[in-house]
Amino acid sequence: MQAAIISGASRGLGLALTADLLQRGCMVVGLAREHSPALQQLAVQHAERLHFLRADLADSDSLHGIMAEALQCLPLEQITQLLLINNAGVVSPIASAGFYPTAEVSRALAINLTAPILLTDALLRLTDTLECELRIACISSGAAVKAYPGWGIYGSSKAGLDHFCRHVATEQQAGNVRIAAIYPGVIDTDMQASIRQSDPQQFRELGRFTALKRDGGLSTPQQAARKIADYLLSTVFGMEPVIDIRQLPDNAQY
């Protein structure tokens, strides 16, 4: 049996990943600050295989307990492959250095970087005696390697996430743990909508992202989720600790 724990499961890519993995027969524990109508609908359709836990990923002190609660929702003795998808993320603050709002910086780093680190750490601690395979996917971004004016906090947090995955991959070479940071491409989500509302004085790439929406250059959450799930469940997952999902061929047979 396969099971997955997904952060940011109530909307966007996290919701699409939840739906995709449920369709494949996985059990799923979704973490999010709030339930959503779409997630509630999935819960009705998959009442025995979808659990929801309310979680504020900016509250770092709560994350070990959240992971412990998530694991209690699963029949661990029956699970052969356990997935953790660190998906939740925020793009704000969109601002240049010299204009950072302190509270937003702290929150962004907590959600984008600290939460994946602590959830991964808690998973490894709490499953130390289990024999099932662990697969950990951290949703990153091309902003980790390319500098966009105004995205200093977002890009830095994703760069840190990439390097964390490299470290864990190195540490777990001889174990039953696979991990990878995944660049999902540009997806038509609420995050993209917030980007298009940015102050052009603070984000000089605004025109490019507006054009992507206007010209149909965004993938749907469902398209991205399908490709990520295909890769996550494949035999080659984790062979590279950081990967751009767009570089994988469509309809690849892994």
C-alpha atoms as a PDB file:
ATOM      1  CA  MET A   1       0.000   0.000   0.000  1.00  0.00           C
ATOM      2  CA  GLN A   2       1.133   3.542  -0.785  1.00  0.00           C
ATOM      3  CA  ALA A   3       0.369   6.590   1.332  1.00  0.00           C
ATOM      4  CA  ALA A   4       1.222  10.265   1.047  1.00  0.00           C
ATOM      5  CA  ILE A   5       1.419  13.265   3.364  1.00  0.00           C
ATOM      6  CA  ILE A   6       0.975  16.494   1.403  1.00  0.00           C
ATOM      7  CA  SER A   7       1.395  20.041   2.719  1.00  0.00           C
ATOM      8  CA  GLY A   8      -0.659  22.816   1.170  1.00  0.00           C
ATOM      9  CA  ALA A   9      -3.266  20.249   0.118  1.00  0.00           C
ATOM     10  CA  SER A  10      -6.321  22.508   0.071  1.00  0.00           C
ATOM     11  CA  ARG A  11      -5.735  24.319  -3.223  1.00  0.00           C
ATOM     12  CA  GLY A  12      -3.535  24.738  -6.281  1.00  0.00           C
ATOM     13  CA  LEU A  13      -0.834  22.168  -6.947  1.00  0.00           C
ATOM     14  CA  GLY A  14      -1.275  20.528  -3.534  1.00  0.00           C
ATOM     15  CA  LEU A  15      -4.972  19.906  -4.203  1.00  0.00           C
ATOM     16  CA  ALA A  16      -4.181  18.547  -7.663  1.00  0.00           C
ATOM     17  CA  LEU A  17      -1.530  16.216  -6.223  1.00  0.00           C
ATOM     18  CA  THR A  18      -3.996  15.025  -3.602  1.00  0.00           C
ATOM     19  CA  ALA A  19      -6.615  14.248  -6.252  1.00  0.00           C
ATOM     20  CA  ASP A  20      -4.094  12.563  -8.552  1.00  0.00           C
ATOM     21  CA  LEU A  21      -2.673  10.276  -5.861  1.00  0.00           C
ATOM     22  CA  LEU A  22      -6.139   9.361  -4.609  1.00  0.00           C
ATOM     23  CA  GLN A  23      -7.039   8.329  -8.151  1.00  0.00           C
ATOM     24  CA  ARG A  24      -3.982   6.060  -8.142  1.00  0.00           C
ATOM     25  CA  GLY A  25      -5.219   4.334  -4.996  1.00  0.00           C
ATOM     26  CA  CYS A  26      -3.000   6.052  -2.420  1.00  0.00           C
ATOM     27  CA  MET A  27      -4.080   7.002   1.056  1.00  0.00           C
ATOM     28  CA  VAL A  28      -3.494  10.719   1.612  1.00  0.00           C
ATOM     29  CA  VAL A  29      -3.145  12.942   4.667  1.00  0.00           C
ATOM     30  CA  GLY A  30      -3.565  16.560   3.578  1.00  0.00           C
ATOM     31  CA  LEU A  31      -2.098  19.393   5.642  1.00  0.00           C
ATOM     32  CA  ALA A  32      -3.356  22.962   5.284  1.00  0.00           C
ATOM     33  CA  ARG A  33      -4.362  25.964   7.350  1.00  0.00           C
ATOM     34  CA  GLU A  34      -7.969  25.677   6.184  1.00  0.00           C
ATOM     35  CA  HIS A  35     -10.231  23.148   4.551  1.00  0.00           C
ATOM     36  CA  SER A  36     -11.493  24.136   1.095  1.00  0.00           C
ATOM     37  CA  PRO A  37     -14.707  23.190  -0.724  1.00  0.00           C
ATOM     38  CA  ALA A  38     -12.685  21.273  -3.336  1.00  0.00           C
ATOM     39  CA  LEU A  39     -10.798  19.311  -0.692  1.00  0.00           C
ATOM     40  CA  GLN A  40     -14.050  18.633   1.139  1.00  0.00           C
ATOM     41  CA  GLN A  41     -15.502  17.212  -2.071  1.00  0.00           C
ATOM     42  CA  LEU A  42     -12.517  14.885  -2.396  1.00  0.00           C
ATOM     43  CA  ALA A  43     -13.028  13.837   1.224  1.00  0.00           C
ATOM     44  CA  VAL A  44     -16.602  12.812   0.422  1.00  0.00           C
ATOM     45  CA  GLN A  45     -15.518  10.868  -2.661  1.00  0.00           C
ATOM     46  CA  HIS A  46     -12.623   9.152  -0.878  1.00  0.00           C
ATOM     47  CA  ALA A  47     -13.886   9.042   2.694  1.00  0.00           C
ATOM     48  CA  GLU A  48     -11.743   6.087   3.760  1.00  0.00           C
ATOM     49  CA  ARG A  49      -8.509   7.203   2.103  1.00  0.00           C
ATOM     50  CA  LEU A  50      -8.299  10.978   2.656  1.00  0.00           C
ATOM     51  CA  HIS A  51      -7.605  12.594   6.018  1.00  0.00           C
ATOM     52  CA  PHE A  52      -7.275  16.332   6.638  1.00  0.00           C
ATOM     53  CA  LEU A  53      -5.228  17.932   9.384  1.00  0.00           C
ATOM     54  CA  ARG A  54      -5.290  21.635  10.113  1.00  0.00           C
ATOM     55  CA  ALA A  55      -1.707  22.897  10.177  1.00  0.00           C
ATOM     56  CA  ASP A  56      -0.074  26.317  10.273  1.00  0.00           C
ATOM     57  CA  LEU A  57       3.271  25.643   8.630  1.00  0.00           C
ATOM     58  CA  ALA A  58       4.606  28.971   9.858  1.00  0.00           C
ATOM     59  CA  ASP A  59       4.327  27.605  13.418  1.00  0.00           C
ATOM     60  CA  SER A  60       7.613  25.704  13.462  1.00  0.00           C
ATOM     61  CA  ASP A  61       7.164  24.396  17.016  1.00  0.00           C
ATOM     62  CA  SER A  62       4.000  22.515  16.010  1.00  0.00           C
ATOM     63  CA  LEU A  63       5.400  20.571  13.059  1.00  0.00           C
ATOM     64  CA  HIS A  64       6.805  17.513  14.860  1.00  0.00           C
ATOM     65  CA  GLY A  65       3.410  17.011  16.481  1.00  0.00           C
ATOM     66  CA  ILE A  66       1.633  17.498  13.156  1.00  0.00           C
ATOM     67  CA  MET A  67       3.782  14.813  11.553  1.00  0.00           C
ATOM     68  CA  ALA A  68       3.140  12.452  14.454  1.00  0.00           C
ATOM     69  CA  GLU A  69      -0.613  13.045  14.086  1.00  0.00           C
ATOM     70  CA  ALA A  70      -0.424  12.494  10.326  1.00  0.00           C
ATOM     71  CA  LEU A  71       1.314   9.154  10.798  1.00  0.00           C
ATOM     72  CA  GLN A  72      -1.344   8.091  13.301  1.00  0.00           C
ATOM     73  CA  CYS A  73      -3.934   8.476  10.514  1.00  0.00           C
ATOM     74  CA  LEU A  74      -2.213   5.771   8.468  1.00  0.00           C
ATOM     75  CA  PRO A  75      -2.076   1.962   8.835  1.00  0.00           C
ATOM     76  CA  LEU A  76       1.715   2.018   8.953  1.00  0.00           C
ATOM     77  CA  GLU A  77       2.080  -1.755   9.220  1.00  0.00           C
ATOM     78  CA  GLN A  78       0.393  -2.108   5.802  1.00  0.00           C
ATOM     79  CA  ILE A  79       2.305   0.624   3.987  1.00  0.00           C
ATOM     80  CA  THR A  80       5.170  -0.338   1.711  1.00  0.00           C
ATOM     81  CA  GLN A  81       5.878   3.135   0.325  1.00  0.00           C
ATOM     82  CA  LEU A  82       5.319   6.379   2.216  1.00  0.00           C
ATOM     83  CA  LEU A  83       5.496   9.716   0.399  1.00  0.00           C
ATOM     84  CA  LEU A  84       6.017  13.168   1.866  1.00  0.00           C
ATOM     85  CA  ILE A  85       5.335  16.048  -0.519  1.00  0.00           C
ATOM     86  CA  ASN A  86       6.523  19.370   0.879  1.00  0.00           C
ATOM     87  CA  ASN A  87       4.386  21.495  -1.410  1.00  0.00           C
ATOM     88  CA  ALA A  88       3.195  24.501   0.606  1.00  0.00           C
ATOM     89  CA  GLY A  89       4.884  27.778  -0.264  1.00  0.00           C
ATOM     90  CA  VAL A  90       4.410  31.527  -0.504  1.00  0.00           C
ATOM     91  CA  VAL A  91       5.921  34.018  -2.932  1.00  0.00           C
ATOM     92  CA  SER A  92       5.457  37.127  -0.782  1.00  0.00           C
ATOM     93  CA  PRO A  93       7.074  39.412   0.064  1.00  0.00           C
ATOM     94  CA  ILE A  94       7.709  40.560  -3.496  1.00  0.00           C
ATOM     95  CA  ALA A  95      10.089  43.388  -2.781  1.00  0.00           C
ATOM     96  CA  SER A  96      13.658  44.493  -3.363  1.00  0.00           C
ATOM     97  CA  ALA A  97      16.229  44.472  -0.566  1.00  0.00           C
ATOM     98  CA  GLY A  98      15.779  47.654   1.383  1.00  0.00           C
ATOM     99  CA  PHE A  99      11.981  47.314   1.313  1.00  0.00           C
ATOM    100  CA  TYR A 100      11.411  44.013   3.126  1.00  0.00           C
ATOM    101  CA  PRO A 101       8.514  43.789   5.630  1.00  0.00           C
ATOM    102  CA  THR A 102      10.080  41.904   8.536  1.00  0.00           C
ATOM    103  CA  ALA A 103       7.045  39.830   9.489  1.00  0.00           C
ATOM    104  CA  GLU A 104       6.492  38.664   5.903  1.00  0.00           C
ATOM    105  CA  VAL A 105      10.148  37.670   5.544  1.00  0.00           C
ATOM    106  CA  SER A 106       9.989  35.568   8.704  1.00  0.00           C
ATOM    107  CA  ARG A 107       6.752  33.909   7.613  1.00  0.00           C
ATOM    108  CA  ALA A 108       8.031  33.161   4.091  1.00  0.00           C
ATOM    109  CA  LEU A 109      11.216  31.540   5.356  1.00  0.00           C
ATOM    110  CA  ALA A 110       9.248  29.532   7.908  1.00  0.00           C
ATOM    111  CA  ILE A 111       6.829  28.157   5.302  1.00  0.00           C
ATOM    112  CA  ASN A 112       9.166  27.756   2.318  1.00  0.00           C
ATOM    113  CA  LEU A 113      12.278  26.458   4.059  1.00  0.00           C
ATOM    114  CA  THR A 114      11.923  25.721   7.760  1.00  0.00           C
ATOM    115  CA  ALA A 115       8.677  23.729   7.429  1.00  0.00           C
ATOM    116  CA  PRO A 116      10.007  21.276   4.785  1.00  0.00           C
ATOM    117  CA  ILE A 117      13.170  20.784   6.825  1.00  0.00           C
ATOM    118  CA  LEU A 118      11.302  20.113  10.062  1.00  0.00           C
ATOM    119  CA  LEU A 119       8.610  17.925   8.484  1.00  0.00           C
ATOM    120  CA  THR A 120      11.296  15.843   6.793  1.00  0.00           C
ATOM    121  CA  ASP A 121      13.270  15.608  10.032  1.00  0.00           C
ATOM    122  CA  ALA A 122      10.159  14.574  11.953  1.00  0.00           C
ATOM    123  CA  LEU A 123       9.278  11.942   9.349  1.00  0.00           C
ATOM    124  CA  LEU A 124      12.746  10.410   9.519  1.00  0.00           C
ATOM    125  CA  ARG A 125      12.703  10.396  13.330  1.00  0.00           C
ATOM    126  CA  LEU A 126       9.220   8.936  13.667  1.00  0.00           C
ATOM    127  CA  THR A 127       9.602   6.213  11.035  1.00  0.00           C
ATOM    128  CA  ASP A 128      13.078   5.085  12.049  1.00  0.00           C
ATOM    129  CA  THR A 129      11.911   1.578  12.881  1.00  0.00           C
ATOM    130  CA  LEU A 130       9.629   1.131   9.862  1.00  0.00           C
ATOM    131  CA  GLU A 131      10.725  -0.971   6.916  1.00  0.00           C
ATOM    132  CA  CYS A 132       8.710   0.862   4.241  1.00  0.00           C
ATOM    133  CA  GLU A 133      10.411   2.984   1.604  1.00  0.00           C
ATOM    134  CA  LEU A 134      10.261   6.743   2.155  1.00  0.00           C
ATOM    135  CA  ARG A 135      10.102   9.163  -0.773  1.00  0.00           C
ATOM    136  CA  ILE A 136      10.287  12.891  -0.100  1.00  0.00           C
ATOM    137  CA  ALA A 137       9.507  15.471  -2.781  1.00  0.00           C
ATOM    138  CA  CYS A 138      10.131  19.149  -2.077  1.00  0.00           C
ATOM    139  CA  ILE A 139       8.428  21.510  -4.525  1.00  0.00           C
ATOM    140  CA  SER A 140      11.058  24.075  -5.433  1.00  0.00           C
ATOM    141  CA  SER A 141      11.390  26.623  -8.233  1.00  0.00           C
ATOM    142  CA  GLY A 142      13.685  27.802 -10.988  1.00  0.00           C
ATOM    143  CA  ALA A 143      13.965  30.945  -8.869  1.00  0.00           C
ATOM    144  CA  ALA A 144      16.391  28.910  -6.754  1.00  0.00           C
ATOM    145  CA  VAL A 145      19.013  29.299  -9.467  1.00  0.00           C
ATOM    146  CA  LYS A 146      17.879  32.375 -11.422  1.00  0.00           C
ATOM    147  CA  ALA A 147      17.732  35.766  -9.740  1.00  0.00           C
ATOM    148  CA  TYR A 148      14.521  37.754 -10.301  1.00  0.00           C
ATOM    149  CA  PRO A 149      14.523  41.310  -8.915  1.00  0.00           C
ATOM    150  CA  GLY A 150      11.935  41.380  -6.138  1.00  0.00           C
ATOM    151  CA  TRP A 151      12.100  37.665  -5.439  1.00  0.00           C
ATOM    152  CA  GLY A 152      15.102  37.676  -3.134  1.00  0.00           C
ATOM    153  CA  ILE A 153      13.296  35.989  -0.262  1.00  0.00           C
ATOM    154  CA  TYR A 154      11.397  33.471  -2.389  1.00  0.00           C
ATOM    155  CA  GLY A 155      14.438  32.523  -4.448  1.00  0.00           C
ATOM    156  CA  SER A 156      16.723  32.306  -1.432  1.00  0.00           C
ATOM    157  CA  SER A 157      14.289  30.050   0.414  1.00  0.00           C
ATOM    158  CA  LYS A 158      14.031  27.728  -2.589  1.00  0.00           C
ATOM    159  CA  ALA A 159      17.821  27.672  -3.032  1.00  0.00           C
ATOM    160  CA  GLY A 160      18.096  26.628   0.608  1.00  0.00           C
ATOM    161  CA  LEU A 161      15.481  23.931   0.024  1.00  0.00           C
ATOM    162  CA  ASP A 162      17.441  22.557  -2.937  1.00  0.00           C
ATOM    163  CA  HIS A 163      20.623  22.343  -0.897  1.00  0.00           C
ATOM    164  CA  PHE A 164      18.819  20.693   1.993  1.00  0.00           C
ATOM    165  CA  CYS A 165      17.677  17.962  -0.413  1.00  0.00           C
ATOM    166  CA  ARG A 166      21.257  17.493  -1.594  1.00  0.00           C
ATOM    167  CA  HIS A 167      22.407  17.022   1.992  1.00  0.00           C
ATOM    168  CA  VAL A 168      19.676  14.524   2.882  1.00  0.00           C
ATOM    169  CA  ALA A 169      20.295  12.598  -0.345  1.00  0.00           C
ATOM    170  CA  THR A 170      23.959  12.310   0.576  1.00  0.00           C
ATOM    171  CA  GLU A 171      23.160  11.218   4.122  1.00  0.00           C
ATOM    172  CA  GLN A 172      20.627   8.598   3.029  1.00  0.00           C
ATOM    173  CA  GLN A 173      22.580   6.937   0.223  1.00  0.00           C
ATOM    174  CA  ALA A 174      22.646   3.568   1.951  1.00  0.00           C
ATOM    175  CA  GLY A 175      19.125   3.709   3.371  1.00  0.00           C
ATOM    176  CA  ASN A 176      15.531   3.354   2.235  1.00  0.00           C
ATOM    177  CA  VAL A 177      14.990   7.100   1.774  1.00  0.00           C
ATOM    178  CA  ARG A 178      14.839   8.923  -1.552  1.00  0.00           C
ATOM    179  CA  ILE A 179      14.524  12.698  -1.800  1.00  0.00           C
ATOM    180  CA  ALA A 180      14.409  15.310  -4.555  1.00  0.00           C
ATOM    181  CA  ALA A 181      13.669  18.987  -4.986  1.00  0.00           C
ATOM    182  CA  ILE A 182      11.394  19.386  -8.007  1.00  0.00           C
ATOM    183  CA  TYR A 183      10.925  22.458 -10.214  1.00  0.00           C
ATOM    184  CA  PRO A 184       7.313  22.164 -11.423  1.00  0.00           C
ATOM    185  CA  GLY A 185       7.329  24.956 -14.012  1.00  0.00           C
ATOM    186  CA  VAL A 186       4.928  27.902 -14.090  1.00  0.00           C
ATOM    187  CA  ILE A 187       1.467  26.779 -12.977  1.00  0.00           C
ATOM    188  CA  ASP A 188      -1.870  28.592 -13.113  1.00  0.00           C
ATOM    189  CA  THR A 189      -2.516  28.882  -9.364  1.00  0.00           C
ATOM    190  CA  ASP A 190      -3.424  31.547  -6.801  1.00  0.00           C
ATOM    191  CA  MET A 191       0.307  32.197  -6.405  1.00  0.00           C
ATOM    192  CA  GLN A 192       0.498  33.271 -10.034  1.00  0.00           C
ATOM    193  CA  ALA A 193      -2.529  35.499  -9.535  1.00  0.00           C
ATOM    194  CA  SER A 194      -0.807  37.228  -6.609  1.00  0.00           C
ATOM    195  CA  ILE A 195       2.346  37.660  -8.695  1.00  0.00           C
ATOM    196  CA  ARG A 196       0.325  39.451 -11.392  1.00  0.00           C
ATOM    197  CA  GLN A 197      -0.896  41.897  -8.750  1.00  0.00           C
ATOM    198  CA  SER A 198       2.660  42.853  -7.764  1.00  0.00           C
ATOM    199  CA  ASP A 199       3.962  46.398  -7.657  1.00  0.00           C
ATOM    200  CA  PRO A 200       5.911  46.850 -10.930  1.00  0.00           C
ATOM    201  CA  GLN A 201       8.332  49.072  -9.041  1.00  0.00           C
ATOM    202  CA  GLN A 202       9.287  46.079  -6.888  1.00  0.00           C
ATOM    203  CA  PHE A 203       8.973  43.296  -9.503  1.00  0.00           C
ATOM    204  CA  ARG A 204      10.366  44.178 -12.898  1.00  0.00           C
ATOM    205  CA  GLU A 205       9.387  40.786 -14.372  1.00  0.00           C
ATOM    206  CA  LEU A 206       5.675  41.565 -13.961  1.00  0.00           C
ATOM    207  CA  GLY A 207       5.106  41.961 -17.705  1.00  0.00           C
ATOM    208  CA  ARG A 208       6.538  38.522 -18.441  1.00  0.00           C
ATOM    209  CA  PHE A 209       4.276  36.759 -15.953  1.00  0.00           C
ATOM    210  CA  THR A 210       1.231  38.711 -17.136  1.00  0.00           C
ATOM    211  CA  ALA A 211       2.015  37.618 -20.699  1.00  0.00           C
ATOM    212  CA  LEU A 212       2.325  33.965 -19.655  1.00  0.00           C
ATOM    213  CA  LYS A 213      -1.270  34.044 -18.400  1.00  0.00           C
ATOM    214  CA  ARG A 214      -2.539  36.006 -21.395  1.00  0.00           C
ATOM    215  CA  ASP A 215      -0.801  33.786 -23.950  1.00  0.00           C
ATOM    216  CA  GLY A 216      -1.635  30.404 -22.407  1.00  0.00           C
ATOM    217  CA  GLY A 217       1.896  29.763 -21.168  1.00  0.00           C
ATOM    218  CA  LEU A 218       0.855  28.345 -17.800  1.00  0.00           C
ATOM    219  CA  SER A 219       0.350  24.647 -17.155  1.00  0.00           C
ATOM    220  CA  THR A 220      -2.713  23.589 -15.195  1.00  0.00           C
ATOM    221  CA  PRO A 221      -2.275  22.227 -11.667  1.00  0.00           C
ATOM    222  CA  GLN A 222      -3.588  18.887 -12.917  1.00  0.00           C
ATOM    223  CA  GLN A 223      -0.996  18.677 -15.696  1.00  0.00           C
ATOM    224  CA  ALA A 224       1.845  19.490 -13.320  1.00  0.00           C
ATOM    225  CA  ALA A 225       0.530  17.123 -10.642  1.00  0.00           C
ATOM    226  CA  ARG A 226       0.312  14.219 -13.081  1.00  0.00           C
ATOM    227  CA  LYS A 227       3.892  14.683 -14.211  1.00  0.00           C
ATOM    228  CA  ILE A 228       5.201  15.087 -10.661  1.00  0.00           C
ATOM    229  CA  ALA A 229       3.307  12.008  -9.446  1.00  0.00           C
ATOM    230  CA  ASP A 230       4.539   9.947 -12.412  1.00  0.00           C
ATOM    231  CA  TYR A 231       8.100  10.883 -11.516  1.00  0.00           C
ATOM    232  CA  LEU A 232       7.662  10.494  -7.762  1.00  0.00           C
ATOM    233  CA  LEU A 233       6.388   6.944  -8.176  1.00  0.00           C
ATOM    234  CA  SER A 234       8.933   5.970 -10.829  1.00  0.00           C
ATOM    235  CA  THR A 235      12.049   3.850 -10.451  1.00  0.00           C
ATOM    236  CA  VAL A 236      14.278   6.861 -11.209  1.00  0.00           C
ATOM    237  CA  PHE A 237      12.941   9.172  -8.501  1.00  0.00           C
ATOM    238  CA  GLY A 238      15.736  10.519  -6.329  1.00  0.00           C
ATOM    239  CA  MET A 239      18.563   9.635  -8.688  1.00  0.00           C
ATOM    240  CA  GLU A 240      19.121  13.402  -8.943  1.00  0.00           C
ATOM    241  CA  PRO A 241      18.542  15.481  -5.787  1.00  0.00           C
ATOM    242  CA  VAL A 242      17.312  18.499  -7.789  1.00  0.00           C
ATOM    243  CA  ILE A 243      15.347  18.201 -11.029  1.00  0.00           C
ATOM    244  CA  ASP A 244      13.262  20.374 -13.356  1.00  0.00           C
ATOM    245  CA  ILE A 245      10.164  18.339 -14.172  1.00  0.00           C
ATOM    246  CA  ARG A 246       9.878  20.126 -17.525  1.00  0.00           C
ATOM    247  CA  GLN A 247      13.066  18.428 -18.680  1.00  0.00           C
ATOM    248  CA  LEU A 248      11.428  15.019 -18.447  1.00  0.00           C
ATOM    249  CA  PRO A 249       9.750  13.780 -21.653  1.00  0.00           C
ATOM    250  CA  ASP A 250       5.958  13.755 -21.814  1.00  0.00           C
ATOM    251  CA  ASN A 251       4.354  10.337 -21.317  1.00  0.00           C
ATOM    252  CA  ALA A 252       7.698   8.915 -20.241  1.00  0.00           C
ATOM    253  CA  GLN A 253       7.735   5.280 -19.197  1.00  0.00           C
ATOM    254  CA  TYR A 254       9.978   5.084 -16.128  1.00  0.00           C
END
